[in-house]
Amino acid sequence: MNTEINFLEKEPNKNSAFIALGTIFVLLLLLAVSALLFQKNNYDNQLSSLANERFQVESVLIEQQNTHGTERQLERLQEELLLLESEMLPAMELYHDIVGLLSRSEQLMTYDMGAENQIIMDAAFPSLNEVAVYMSLLTEQDYIQDIQLTSTVKMEDFYEATLTLTMAGGLVVEGFAAND
C-alpha cells in the first residue's frame, strides 16, 4: 500500500474574489436592466396617455373650429355680401331709367352692361338732332359720368346710334337706393 503524503501547503482559493465580484456585477447588471425596463414601461404608459389626451384635445378643437369657424365664415360671407350689395348696380332700375329717357321704348335695339360701370347701347333715332337731345337728357343724370357717341349709321329712314355710357357706381347705387 502506498500512502501519499502531501507536504504542500494548501493555497487559499484564488478565484473566490473573482467569483464574488462577478456575482456582484451580475446582480448590479440585473438591477440596472430591471430599472431600465421599469422606466421604459412607465414612459410608454405616459406616452400612450399623452397620445390619448392629444387625440381628445384635437377632436374638441376640431369641433370648436367647425362650430365657430362656420360662424366666422358665415359672418365673413354676410359682410362680403353687404359690401357687394352696396357696390352692385341696380340693373333693372338703371335699364328702366335709361329706356325711359327715350321718346319710345321701341327705339332701343341693344343694351349691354359691358365692363365695370359701363353700358353699351344701340338705339334708333329719327334724326341726328334726336340723338343729341337724348345725349343731353343722359348728361343731366347725376350717375352718368361720361357719354361717348361711338358710332352713328344712317339706315333707311332712321339713324342707328351706338352710345357708351360710363357711370359713377356709388352714385348709381345711392340714387336708386334713395328712390326705393
Protein backbone atom coordinates (compact mmCIF):
# COMPACT_ATOMS: atom_id res chain seq x y z
CA MET A 1 0.00 0.00 0.00
CA ASN A 2 1.10 3.30 -0.91
CA THR A 3 0.18 6.26 1.03
CA GLU A 4 0.65 9.58 -0.39
CA ILE A 5 1.53 12.31 1.83
CA ASN A 6 1.09 15.79 0.50
CA PHE A 7 3.55 18.11 2.08
CA LEU A 8 2.49 21.07 0.01
CA GLU A 9 0.61 23.76 1.73
CA LYS A 10 -2.90 24.31 0.71
CA GLU A 11 -3.31 27.60 -1.04
CA PRO A 12 -6.38 29.59 -0.39
CA ASN A 13 -8.86 29.70 -3.29
CA LYS A 14 -7.61 32.41 -5.64
CA ASN A 15 -10.81 32.60 -7.65
CA SER A 16 -13.14 33.41 -4.78
CA ALA A 17 -12.56 37.15 -5.16
CA PHE A 18 -13.37 36.99 -8.87
CA ILE A 19 -16.46 34.91 -8.20
CA ALA A 20 -17.67 37.40 -5.59
CA LEU A 21 -17.01 40.37 -7.89
CA GLY A 22 -18.67 38.57 -10.83
CA THR A 23 -21.73 37.78 -8.74
CA ILE A 24 -22.00 41.39 -7.57
CA PHE A 25 -21.57 42.60 -11.15
CA VAL A 26 -24.29 40.27 -12.46
CA LEU A 27 -26.65 41.36 -9.64
CA LEU A 28 -25.99 45.04 -10.35
CA LEU A 29 -26.47 44.42 -14.08
CA LEU A 30 -29.81 42.68 -13.45
CA LEU A 31 -30.85 45.52 -11.16
CA ALA A 32 -29.93 48.14 -13.82
CA VAL A 33 -31.75 46.23 -16.59
CA SER A 34 -34.87 45.82 -14.45
CA ALA A 35 -34.79 49.55 -13.56
CA LEU A 36 -34.48 50.44 -17.26
CA LEU A 37 -37.36 48.12 -18.20
CA PHE A 38 -39.50 49.62 -15.44
CA GLN A 39 -38.74 53.15 -16.69
CA LYS A 40 -39.39 52.13 -20.30
CA ASN A 41 -42.80 50.70 -19.38
CA ASN A 42 -43.56 53.81 -17.32
CA TYR A 43 -42.62 56.12 -20.20
CA ASP A 44 -44.61 54.01 -22.68
CA ASN A 45 -47.69 54.31 -20.46
CA GLN A 46 -47.20 58.07 -20.13
CA LEU A 47 -46.70 58.39 -23.88
CA SER A 48 -49.88 56.46 -24.68
CA SER A 49 -51.87 58.50 -22.15
CA LEU A 50 -50.49 61.74 -23.67
CA ALA A 51 -51.38 60.48 -27.16
CA ASN A 52 -54.94 59.80 -25.96
CA GLU A 53 -55.11 63.26 -24.39
CA ARG A 54 -53.82 64.83 -27.60
CA PHE A 55 -56.43 62.95 -29.62
CA GLN A 56 -59.20 64.15 -27.29
CA VAL A 57 -57.96 67.75 -27.40
CA GLU A 58 -57.70 67.61 -31.21
CA SER A 59 -61.24 66.27 -31.52
CA VAL A 60 -62.59 69.01 -29.20
CA LEU A 61 -60.58 71.60 -31.13
CA ILE A 62 -61.92 70.36 -34.47
CA GLU A 63 -65.49 70.52 -33.11
CA GLN A 64 -64.93 74.07 -31.89
CA GLN A 65 -63.36 75.09 -35.19
CA ASN A 66 -66.28 73.59 -37.06
CA THR A 67 -68.87 75.42 -34.97
CA HIS A 68 -67.01 78.70 -34.50
CA GLY A 69 -65.29 78.52 -37.88
CA THR A 70 -68.64 78.12 -39.57
CA GLU A 71 -69.99 81.07 -37.62
CA ARG A 72 -66.95 83.16 -38.56
CA GLN A 73 -67.24 82.11 -42.19
CA LEU A 74 -70.93 82.98 -42.16
CA GLU A 75 -70.20 86.40 -40.66
CA ARG A 76 -67.45 86.98 -43.23
CA LEU A 77 -69.77 85.92 -46.07
CA GLN A 78 -72.51 88.23 -44.79
CA GLU A 79 -70.04 91.14 -44.65
CA GLU A 80 -68.87 90.40 -48.20
CA LEU A 81 -72.48 90.12 -49.37
CA LEU A 82 -73.33 93.50 -47.84
CA LEU A 83 -70.25 95.01 -49.47
CA LEU A 84 -71.19 93.54 -52.85
CA GLU A 85 -74.77 94.70 -52.50
CA SER A 86 -73.58 98.19 -51.68
CA GLU A 87 -71.40 98.25 -54.80
CA MET A 88 -73.74 96.37 -57.14
CA LEU A 89 -75.50 98.38 -59.78
CA PRO A 90 -79.29 98.11 -59.71
CA ALA A 91 -79.55 96.81 -63.28
CA MET A 92 -83.33 96.81 -63.72
CA GLU A 93 -83.86 100.30 -62.31
CA LEU A 94 -80.96 101.60 -64.37
CA TYR A 95 -82.36 99.96 -67.52
CA HIS A 96 -85.84 101.41 -66.95
CA ASP A 97 -84.39 104.86 -66.27
CA ILE A 98 -82.24 104.88 -69.42
CA VAL A 99 -85.01 103.46 -71.61
CA GLY A 100 -87.48 105.89 -70.04
CA LEU A 101 -85.44 108.80 -71.41
CA LEU A 102 -86.07 107.59 -74.97
CA SER A 103 -89.15 109.01 -76.69
CA ARG A 104 -90.34 105.45 -77.47
CA SER A 105 -89.08 102.25 -75.82
CA GLU A 106 -89.04 100.54 -79.25
CA GLN A 107 -86.08 102.74 -80.17
CA LEU A 108 -83.72 100.62 -78.06
CA MET A 109 -82.08 97.95 -80.21
CA THR A 110 -79.39 96.52 -77.89
CA TYR A 111 -78.46 97.10 -74.29
CA ASP A 112 -75.30 95.58 -72.82
CA MET A 113 -73.82 96.02 -69.36
CA GLY A 114 -70.22 95.80 -70.57
CA ALA A 115 -67.18 96.47 -68.45
CA GLU A 116 -67.46 97.63 -64.88
CA ASN A 117 -69.79 100.64 -64.62
CA GLN A 118 -70.25 100.80 -68.39
CA ILE A 119 -73.31 100.34 -70.61
CA ILE A 120 -73.16 99.98 -74.37
CA MET A 121 -76.44 100.56 -76.15
CA ASP A 122 -77.71 100.85 -79.70
CA ALA A 123 -80.83 102.88 -80.38
CA ALA A 124 -82.70 104.05 -83.45
CA PHE A 125 -83.40 107.77 -83.78
CA PRO A 126 -85.41 109.58 -86.47
CA SER A 127 -82.76 112.33 -86.78
CA LEU A 128 -79.33 113.32 -85.52
CA ASN A 129 -81.00 116.09 -83.54
CA GLU A 130 -82.91 113.41 -81.57
CA VAL A 131 -79.56 111.70 -80.79
CA ALA A 132 -78.25 114.99 -79.40
CA VAL A 133 -81.42 115.55 -77.34
CA TYR A 134 -81.16 112.04 -75.87
CA MET A 135 -77.49 112.56 -75.03
CA SER A 136 -78.32 115.85 -73.29
CA LEU A 137 -81.03 114.08 -71.27
CA LEU A 138 -78.45 111.47 -70.24
CA THR A 139 -75.91 114.09 -69.17
CA GLU A 140 -78.49 115.58 -66.80
CA GLN A 141 -78.50 112.31 -64.82
CA ASP A 142 -76.24 112.52 -61.74
CA TYR A 143 -74.97 108.96 -62.01
CA ILE A 144 -73.64 109.25 -65.59
CA GLN A 145 -70.03 110.40 -65.70
CA ASP A 146 -69.32 110.18 -69.42
CA ILE A 147 -71.19 109.58 -72.68
CA GLN A 148 -69.44 108.63 -75.87
CA LEU A 149 -71.20 108.51 -79.18
CA THR A 150 -69.28 105.57 -80.62
CA SER A 151 -70.97 105.48 -83.99
CA THR A 152 -73.97 106.70 -85.96
CA VAL A 153 -75.10 104.95 -89.08
CA LYS A 154 -77.81 106.17 -91.45
CA MET A 155 -80.21 103.34 -92.14
CA GLU A 156 -83.25 103.60 -94.45
CA ASP A 157 -85.35 106.10 -92.52
CA PHE A 158 -83.56 106.33 -89.15
CA TYR A 159 -80.14 106.75 -87.56
CA GLU A 160 -78.67 103.92 -85.53
CA ALA A 161 -76.51 105.37 -82.75
CA THR A 162 -74.16 103.40 -80.53
CA LEU A 163 -73.62 105.03 -77.15
CA THR A 164 -71.17 104.06 -74.42
CA LEU A 165 -72.25 105.28 -71.00
CA THR A 166 -69.83 105.35 -68.08
CA MET A 167 -71.43 105.56 -64.67
CA ALA A 168 -70.27 106.55 -61.20
CA GLY A 169 -71.06 103.30 -59.40
CA GLY A 170 -71.55 104.83 -55.98
CA LEU A 171 -73.91 107.48 -57.29
CA VAL A 172 -75.98 104.87 -59.14
CA VAL A 173 -76.39 102.79 -56.02
CA GLU A 174 -77.12 105.81 -53.83
CA GLY A 175 -79.51 107.38 -56.34
CA PHE A 176 -81.63 104.29 -56.85
CA ALA A 177 -81.43 103.21 -53.18
CA ALA A 178 -82.86 106.60 -52.19
CA ASN A 179 -85.78 106.02 -54.60
CA ASP A 180 -86.64 102.62 -53.05
